[in-house]
Protein backbone atom coordinates (compact mmCIF):
# COMPACT_ATOMS: atom_id res chain seq x y z
CA UNK A 1 -71.14 28.08 -60.57
CA UNK A 2 -72.72 24.92 -61.98
CA UNK A 3 -74.71 22.74 -59.61
CA UNK A 4 -73.18 19.25 -59.77
CA UNK A 5 -73.93 17.62 -56.42
CA UNK A 6 -77.10 15.79 -57.35
CA UNK A 7 -76.64 13.08 -54.72
CA UNK A 8 -76.69 15.70 -51.93
CA UNK A 9 -73.19 14.73 -50.90
CA UNK A 10 -71.47 16.35 -47.95
CA UNK A 11 -69.17 19.14 -49.18
CA UNK A 12 -66.10 20.06 -47.14
CA UNK A 13 -66.64 23.62 -45.94
CA UNK A 14 -63.60 24.95 -47.80
CA UNK A 15 -64.99 23.44 -51.01
CA UNK A 16 -68.39 24.98 -50.39
CA UNK A 17 -66.89 28.41 -49.72
CA UNK A 18 -64.72 28.23 -52.85
CA UNK A 19 -67.59 27.01 -55.07
CA UNK A 20 -69.05 30.50 -55.46
CA UNK A 21 -68.08 34.14 -55.08
CA UNK A 22 -69.60 34.57 -51.62
CA UNK A 23 -69.35 37.63 -49.39
CA UNK A 24 -68.07 37.17 -45.84
CA UNK A 25 -70.54 38.73 -43.41
CA UNK A 26 -68.88 37.60 -40.19
CA UNK A 27 -67.11 34.77 -38.42
CA UNK A 28 -68.22 31.91 -36.24
CA UNK A 29 -67.17 31.32 -32.64
CA UNK A 30 -64.22 29.34 -33.99
CA UNK A 31 -63.36 32.00 -36.58
CA UNK A 32 -64.76 30.27 -39.65
CA UNK A 33 -66.23 32.63 -42.25
CA UNK A 34 -70.02 32.94 -42.46
CA UNK A 35 -70.74 33.65 -46.11
CA UNK A 36 -73.69 35.04 -48.02
CA UNK A 37 -74.71 36.29 -51.41
CA UNK A 38 -77.42 38.40 -53.04
CA UNK A 39 -79.12 37.23 -56.24
CA UNK A 40 -81.38 39.52 -58.26
CA UNK A 41 -82.01 43.24 -58.38
CA UNK A 42 -85.70 43.43 -57.59
CA UNK A 43 -87.29 45.50 -54.85
CA UNK A 44 -88.84 42.62 -52.90
CA UNK A 45 -86.35 41.25 -50.38
CA UNK A 46 -86.36 37.54 -49.50
CA UNK A 47 -84.05 35.84 -46.99
CA UNK A 48 -83.05 32.17 -47.22
CA UNK A 49 -80.65 30.34 -44.92
CA UNK A 50 -79.59 26.76 -44.17
CA UNK A 51 -77.00 24.91 -42.12
CA UNK A 52 -78.30 25.98 -38.72
CA UNK A 53 -77.68 22.39 -37.69
CA UNK A 54 -74.48 21.06 -39.20
CA UNK A 55 -75.83 17.55 -39.80
CA UNK A 56 -78.72 18.84 -41.95
CA UNK A 57 -77.37 19.45 -45.42
CA UNK A 58 -80.28 19.17 -47.88
CA UNK A 59 -81.10 22.86 -47.45
CA UNK A 60 -77.56 23.73 -48.53
CA UNK A 61 -78.12 21.80 -51.75
CA UNK A 62 -81.49 23.50 -52.25
CA UNK A 63 -79.65 26.82 -52.08
CA UNK A 64 -76.86 25.74 -54.45
CA UNK A 65 -79.36 24.43 -56.98
CA UNK A 66 -81.46 27.57 -56.68
CA UNK A 67 -78.44 29.81 -57.30
CA UNK A 68 -77.47 27.75 -60.34
CA UNK A 69 -80.99 27.90 -61.78
CA UNK A 70 -81.12 31.68 -61.35
CA UNK A 71 -77.67 32.25 -62.84
CA UNK A 72 -78.40 30.03 -65.84
CA UNK A 73 -81.71 31.87 -66.38
CA UNK A 74 -83.59 28.60 -66.02
CA UNK A 75 -85.93 30.57 -63.76
CA UNK A 76 -86.58 34.32 -63.72
CA UNK A 77 -87.48 36.24 -60.56
CA UNK A 78 -87.20 39.81 -61.76
CA UNK A 79 -89.15 41.40 -58.91
CA UNK A 80 -87.09 39.78 -56.16
CA UNK A 81 -83.75 40.10 -54.45
CA UNK A 82 -82.70 36.89 -52.70
CA UNK A 83 -80.40 37.24 -49.69
CA UNK A 84 -78.81 33.86 -49.00
CA UNK A 85 -76.69 32.28 -46.27
CA UNK A 86 -75.83 28.66 -47.18
CA UNK A 87 -74.42 27.69 -43.76
CA UNK A 88 -75.09 29.85 -40.70
CA UNK A 89 -73.37 27.37 -38.35
CA UNK A 90 -70.05 26.39 -39.99
CA UNK A 91 -68.50 25.06 -36.76
CA UNK A 92 -71.28 22.48 -36.49
CA UNK A 93 -71.11 21.78 -40.22
CA UNK A 94 -67.44 20.75 -40.19
CA UNK A 95 -68.23 18.33 -37.33
CA UNK A 96 -71.53 17.15 -38.83
CA UNK A 97 -73.25 17.85 -35.52
CA UNK A 98 -76.31 19.79 -34.40
CA UNK A 99 -74.62 22.23 -32.01
CA UNK A 100 -72.11 25.00 -32.66
CA UNK A 101 -68.48 25.04 -31.51
CA UNK A 102 -69.52 26.14 -28.01
CA UNK A 103 -72.09 23.34 -27.68
CA UNK A 104 -75.18 25.54 -28.18
CA UNK A 105 -78.16 24.66 -30.38
CA UNK A 106 -78.75 27.83 -32.42
CA UNK A 107 -82.40 26.92 -32.81
CA UNK A 108 -82.80 27.30 -29.04
CA UNK A 109 -80.85 30.56 -28.83
CA UNK A 110 -83.23 32.88 -30.62
CA UNK A 111 -84.23 35.07 -27.73
CA UNK A 112 -81.10 35.95 -25.78
CA UNK A 113 -78.78 35.66 -28.81
CA UNK A 114 -75.79 34.50 -26.80
CA UNK A 115 -73.99 32.88 -29.71
CA UNK A 116 -72.12 34.80 -32.37
CA UNK A 117 -73.96 32.91 -35.09
CA UNK A 118 -77.46 33.70 -33.75
CA UNK A 119 -76.55 37.35 -33.27
CA UNK A 120 -75.21 37.50 -36.83
CA UNK A 121 -78.37 35.94 -38.27
CA UNK A 122 -80.80 38.26 -36.45
CA UNK A 123 -78.66 41.28 -37.30
CA UNK A 124 -78.65 40.26 -40.96
CA UNK A 125 -82.43 39.84 -40.96
CA UNK A 126 -83.13 43.15 -39.22
CA UNK A 127 -80.86 44.97 -41.65
CA UNK A 128 -82.66 43.51 -44.68
CA UNK A 129 -86.21 43.61 -43.27
CA UNK A 130 -87.41 40.91 -45.69
CA UNK A 131 -90.85 40.40 -47.11
CA UNK A 132 -90.53 36.65 -46.44
CA UNK A 133 -87.94 34.18 -45.07
CA UNK A 134 -87.24 30.51 -45.76
CA UNK A 135 -85.65 28.53 -42.93
CA UNK A 136 -84.23 25.25 -44.31
CA UNK A 137 -83.72 22.13 -42.20
CA UNK A 138 -83.61 18.33 -42.50
CA UNK A 139 -85.96 16.13 -40.52
CA UNK A 140 -85.24 12.69 -39.10
CA UNK A 141 -86.43 9.50 -40.76
CA UNK A 142 -88.80 8.87 -37.83
CA UNK A 143 -91.42 11.17 -39.37
CA UNK A 144 -94.30 9.86 -41.43
CA UNK A 145 -97.63 11.07 -42.76
CA UNK A 146 -100.45 8.57 -42.39
CA UNK A 147 -97.94 5.72 -42.51
CA UNK A 148 -96.07 7.10 -45.53
CA UNK A 149 -92.58 8.52 -45.10
CA UNK A 150 -92.69 12.32 -44.78
CA UNK A 151 -90.30 13.44 -47.51
CA UNK A 152 -91.07 17.11 -46.75
CA UNK A 153 -92.76 18.85 -43.84
CA UNK A 154 -93.76 22.50 -43.82
CA UNK A 155 -94.55 24.99 -41.10
CA UNK A 156 -95.79 28.53 -40.88
CA UNK A 157 -94.82 29.04 -37.21
CA UNK A 158 -96.93 30.38 -34.38
CA UNK A 159 -96.19 33.81 -32.96
CA UNK A 160 -97.16 33.02 -29.36
CA UNK A 161 -98.27 30.20 -27.08
CA UNK A 162 -101.92 30.53 -28.14
CA UNK A 163 -101.03 29.43 -31.69
CA UNK A 164 -103.47 32.05 -32.94
CA UNK A 165 -103.70 32.38 -36.70
CA UNK A 166 -102.91 36.08 -36.93
CA UNK A 167 -103.55 38.07 -40.13
CA UNK A 168 -99.82 37.88 -40.95
CA UNK A 169 -99.70 34.14 -40.39
CA UNK A 170 -102.85 33.64 -42.45
CA UNK A 171 -101.34 35.53 -45.38
CA UNK A 172 -98.24 33.33 -45.32
CA UNK A 173 -100.40 30.19 -45.07
CA UNK A 174 -102.41 31.33 -48.08
CA UNK A 175 -99.29 32.14 -50.06
CA UNK A 176 -97.76 28.75 -49.33
CA UNK A 177 -101.04 26.97 -50.06
CA UNK A 178 -101.37 28.66 -53.44
CA UNK A 179 -97.76 27.73 -54.19
CA UNK A 180 -98.51 24.06 -53.46
CA UNK A 181 -101.46 24.21 -55.85
CA UNK A 182 -99.34 25.76 -58.61
CA UNK A 183 -96.58 23.16 -58.21
CA UNK A 184 -99.15 20.50 -59.12
CA UNK A 185 -97.22 17.83 -57.23
CA UNK A 186 -98.60 14.76 -55.48
CA UNK A 187 -98.72 15.87 -51.84
CA UNK A 188 -98.67 12.34 -50.43
CA UNK A 189 -95.77 12.32 -48.00
CA UNK A 190 -95.94 16.09 -47.46
CA UNK A 191 -96.94 17.05 -43.93
CA UNK A 192 -97.26 19.95 -41.53
CA UNK A 193 -94.83 20.25 -38.66
CA UNK A 194 -96.31 20.87 -35.23
CA UNK A 195 -97.02 24.55 -34.60
CA UNK A 196 -96.33 24.25 -30.88
CA UNK A 197 -94.75 27.56 -29.84
CA UNK A 198 -91.05 27.51 -28.91
CA UNK A 199 -90.10 31.06 -27.83
CA UNK A 200 -86.37 30.46 -28.40
CA UNK A 201 -86.74 28.83 -31.83
CA UNK A 202 -85.88 30.87 -34.91
CA UNK A 203 -89.16 30.75 -36.81
CA UNK A 204 -91.35 31.29 -33.74
CA UNK A 205 -89.27 34.25 -32.57
CA UNK A 206 -89.32 35.84 -36.01
CA UNK A 207 -93.09 35.43 -36.27
CA UNK A 208 -93.47 37.05 -32.84
CA UNK A 209 -91.53 39.99 -34.29
CA UNK A 210 -93.80 40.13 -37.37
CA UNK A 211 -91.10 38.74 -39.66
CA UNK A 212 -92.96 36.20 -41.85
CA UNK A 213 -91.19 32.90 -42.45
CA UNK A 214 -91.67 29.35 -43.65
CA UNK A 215 -89.87 26.30 -42.29
CA UNK A 216 -89.01 23.64 -44.87
CA UNK A 217 -88.00 20.31 -43.35
CA UNK A 218 -86.50 17.97 -45.96
CA UNK A 219 -87.00 14.29 -45.27
CA UNK A 220 -86.66 10.93 -47.00
CA UNK A 221 -88.94 9.10 -49.35
CA UNK A 222 -88.85 5.34 -49.75
CA UNK A 223 -85.94 4.50 -52.03
CA UNK A 224 -84.46 7.98 -51.59
CA UNK A 225 -82.27 8.14 -48.51
CA UNK A 226 -80.21 10.86 -50.23
CA UNK A 227 -83.27 13.17 -50.08
CA UNK A 228 -83.12 14.07 -53.78
CA UNK A 229 -86.91 14.32 -54.03
CA UNK A 230 -86.97 16.65 -51.02
CA UNK A 231 -84.29 18.85 -52.59
CA UNK A 232 -86.19 19.21 -55.86
CA UNK A 233 -89.46 19.84 -54.05
CA UNK A 234 -87.81 22.40 -51.76
CA UNK A 235 -86.58 24.39 -54.76
CA UNK A 236 -90.09 24.36 -56.19
CA UNK A 237 -91.65 25.45 -52.90
CA UNK A 238 -89.38 28.49 -52.72
CA UNK A 239 -89.75 29.60 -56.33
CA UNK A 240 -93.51 29.08 -56.44
CA UNK A 241 -94.15 30.70 -53.05
CA UNK A 242 -92.33 33.86 -54.09
CA UNK A 243 -94.79 34.54 -56.87
CA UNK A 244 -97.90 32.99 -55.27
CA UNK A 245 -100.91 35.08 -54.34
CA UNK A 246 -102.29 35.55 -50.84
CA UNK A 247 -105.79 34.67 -51.94
CA UNK A 248 -107.59 32.63 -49.29
CA UNK A 249 -107.04 28.88 -49.67
CA UNK A 250 -106.97 25.92 -47.27
CA UNK A 251 -104.34 23.77 -49.00
CA UNK A 252 -101.71 24.30 -46.31
CA UNK A 253 -104.25 23.82 -43.50
CA UNK A 254 -105.35 20.50 -44.99
CA UNK A 255 -101.87 18.99 -44.98
CA UNK A 256 -101.81 16.22 -42.34
CA UNK A 257 -99.62 16.82 -39.30
CA UNK A 258 -96.59 14.54 -39.47
CA UNK A 259 -96.17 11.86 -36.84
CA UNK A 260 -93.17 10.18 -35.24
CA UNK A 261 -92.43 6.48 -34.99
CA UNK A 262 -91.26 5.42 -38.45
CA UNK A 263 -88.47 2.83 -38.58
CA UNK A 264 -85.76 2.46 -41.21
CA UNK A 265 -84.95 -1.25 -41.86
CA UNK A 266 -87.05 -3.94 -40.18
CA UNK A 267 -86.14 -7.63 -40.23
CA UNK A 268 -89.42 -9.42 -39.52
CA UNK A 269 -90.11 -12.69 -37.69
CA UNK A 270 -86.49 -13.29 -36.65
CA UNK A 271 -85.76 -16.16 -34.21
CA UNK A 272 -84.05 -14.56 -31.23
CA UNK A 273 -83.68 -16.01 -27.72
CA UNK A 274 -86.41 -18.60 -28.46
CA UNK A 275 -88.78 -15.82 -29.58
CA UNK A 276 -90.02 -14.63 -32.95
CA UNK A 277 -89.39 -10.87 -33.05
CA UNK A 278 -88.97 -7.98 -35.44
CA UNK A 279 -85.60 -6.22 -35.34
CA UNK A 280 -85.35 -2.60 -36.46
CA UNK A 281 -82.00 -1.20 -37.55
CA UNK A 282 -81.23 2.46 -38.16
CA UNK A 283 -78.27 4.50 -39.37
CA UNK A 284 -76.26 6.94 -37.31
CA UNK A 285 -74.34 9.36 -39.54
CA UNK A 286 -71.10 11.06 -38.55
CA UNK A 287 -68.07 12.59 -40.23
CA UNK A 288 -64.74 10.78 -40.56
CA UNK A 289 -62.51 13.50 -41.93
CA UNK A 290 -64.33 14.71 -45.05
CA UNK A 291 -66.19 11.43 -45.47
CA UNK A 292 -69.57 10.57 -44.03
CA UNK A 293 -69.39 7.49 -41.79
CA UNK A 294 -72.43 5.26 -41.27
CA UNK A 295 -72.93 3.24 -38.09
CA UNK A 296 -75.92 0.92 -37.76
CA UNK A 297 -77.60 0.56 -34.38
CA UNK A 298 -80.52 -1.42 -32.99
CA UNK A 299 -83.52 0.91 -33.07
CA UNK A 300 -86.08 -1.42 -31.50
CA UNK A 301 -87.05 -5.10 -31.27
CA UNK A 302 -90.20 -7.02 -30.44
CA UNK A 303 -93.56 -6.86 -32.13
CA UNK A 304 -93.11 -3.90 -34.49
CA UNK A 305 -95.99 -4.75 -36.82
CA UNK A 306 -97.87 -1.52 -36.02
CA UNK A 307 -94.90 0.73 -36.82
CA UNK A 308 -94.44 2.19 -40.33
CA UNK A 309 -91.07 1.52 -41.87
CA UNK A 310 -89.02 2.52 -44.87
CA UNK A 311 -87.80 -0.96 -45.71
CA UNK A 312 -88.76 -4.48 -44.67
CA UNK A 313 -86.82 -7.73 -44.99
CA UNK A 314 -88.29 -11.18 -44.30
CA UNK A 315 -86.25 -12.59 -41.43
CA UNK A 316 -88.12 -15.87 -40.90
CA UNK A 317 -85.01 -17.88 -41.90
CA UNK A 318 -82.69 -15.85 -39.64
CA UNK A 319 -81.50 -17.10 -36.23
CA UNK A 320 -79.67 -14.56 -34.07
CA UNK A 321 -77.29 -15.78 -31.39
CA UNK A 322 -75.71 -12.45 -30.38
CA UNK A 323 -77.42 -10.32 -27.73
CA UNK A 324 -79.02 -7.15 -29.11
CA UNK A 325 -78.94 -3.85 -27.23
CA UNK A 326 -81.23 -1.02 -28.28
CA UNK A 327 -79.43 2.21 -29.26
CA UNK A 328 -76.09 0.40 -29.44
CA UNK A 329 -74.05 -0.53 -32.56
CA UNK A 330 -75.28 -3.86 -33.85
CA UNK A 331 -73.26 -7.06 -34.09
CA UNK A 332 -75.34 -9.79 -35.72
CA UNK A 333 -75.43 -12.23 -38.62
CA UNK A 334 -78.61 -11.76 -40.67
CA UNK A 335 -77.51 -14.28 -43.30
CA UNK A 336 -77.04 -12.11 -46.37
CA UNK A 337 -76.03 -9.13 -44.20
CA UNK A 338 -73.50 -9.27 -41.39
CA UNK A 339 -72.90 -6.43 -38.92
CA UNK A 340 -69.91 -6.05 -36.65
CA UNK A 341 -69.79 -3.16 -34.18
CA UNK A 342 -72.25 -1.22 -36.32
CA UNK A 343 -70.37 -1.74 -39.60
CA UNK A 344 -71.66 -3.89 -42.45
CA UNK A 345 -68.85 -6.39 -43.10
CA UNK A 346 -70.77 -8.55 -45.56
CA UNK A 347 -73.74 -7.90 -47.81
CA UNK A 348 -75.65 -4.69 -48.36
CA UNK A 349 -78.83 -3.05 -47.12
CA UNK A 350 -80.59 -2.10 -50.31
CA UNK A 351 -82.97 0.81 -50.64
CA UNK A 352 -85.97 -1.22 -51.71
CA UNK A 353 -89.41 -0.43 -50.42
CA UNK A 354 -91.31 -3.20 -48.70
């Protein structure tokens, strides 16, 4: 297999399954195959999975790129055996939705294990008994770090409601911190996810069972809505963490906790209903067959000057005559860009930082 999807494009599930010689380890609630592979012959077992939420696909590309790099000998991990599931929730993936075919969020089913997919994942993990796990997700564009878009957020989860830093958790924090040092990457835009304890979430449950794991949430950077930077950084996090020491270090602890509230596109100082307001527009992504459909909705309007944003457009020459409804598809003429029922019918929103 050669990794060729550098724009993180959505891959039809049949194409993904046929792209590599996977093993079928079970079937989803709608009888789609759940596939896996094992890379390496070392004695140290590592588990990596993605696609728990079907509309979060960067982790799948991290896995595909990682497999390609290992097969092409671009990286060597002789001591390790990587156990990989690229998509644990194929029914959600084919719909590009968060929940599985029965409407359950797998990341809130990790205690009773009612779904086939959750039961398969925990059974797979218990059988392997890994030294470390990587749980790959995408995060929404609302997240920022000190006003800068959070292109990656990391978490070593809590094991109980106290959020105590247990010896096991401390070792994983140290290992991840030393990996971040060795990557030698600018950590601006890298944050920590909240460590609030969710007893039915995957990472929290695993930590409560003394199964060490790291959550990698891939986000967007300004000018990078395709999350390419997050994909490359995610690959580096995994490869460097595998070989990192557990020597005490505070690098992970010092990452700022990410915050919510970031906007995508903001038209500033627009004349609307005899007022000067800011209008924020965001994308809603869905699948139309095998193609990703983009619908633009009104995210917010009013004085948005205190809110961080990915992109900003001067709207002082724009006069809006159509009523705007928050969280609804937008119909409006912004001069160079015209929306109709959430579709851009004229012009283009360019990925240019403000």
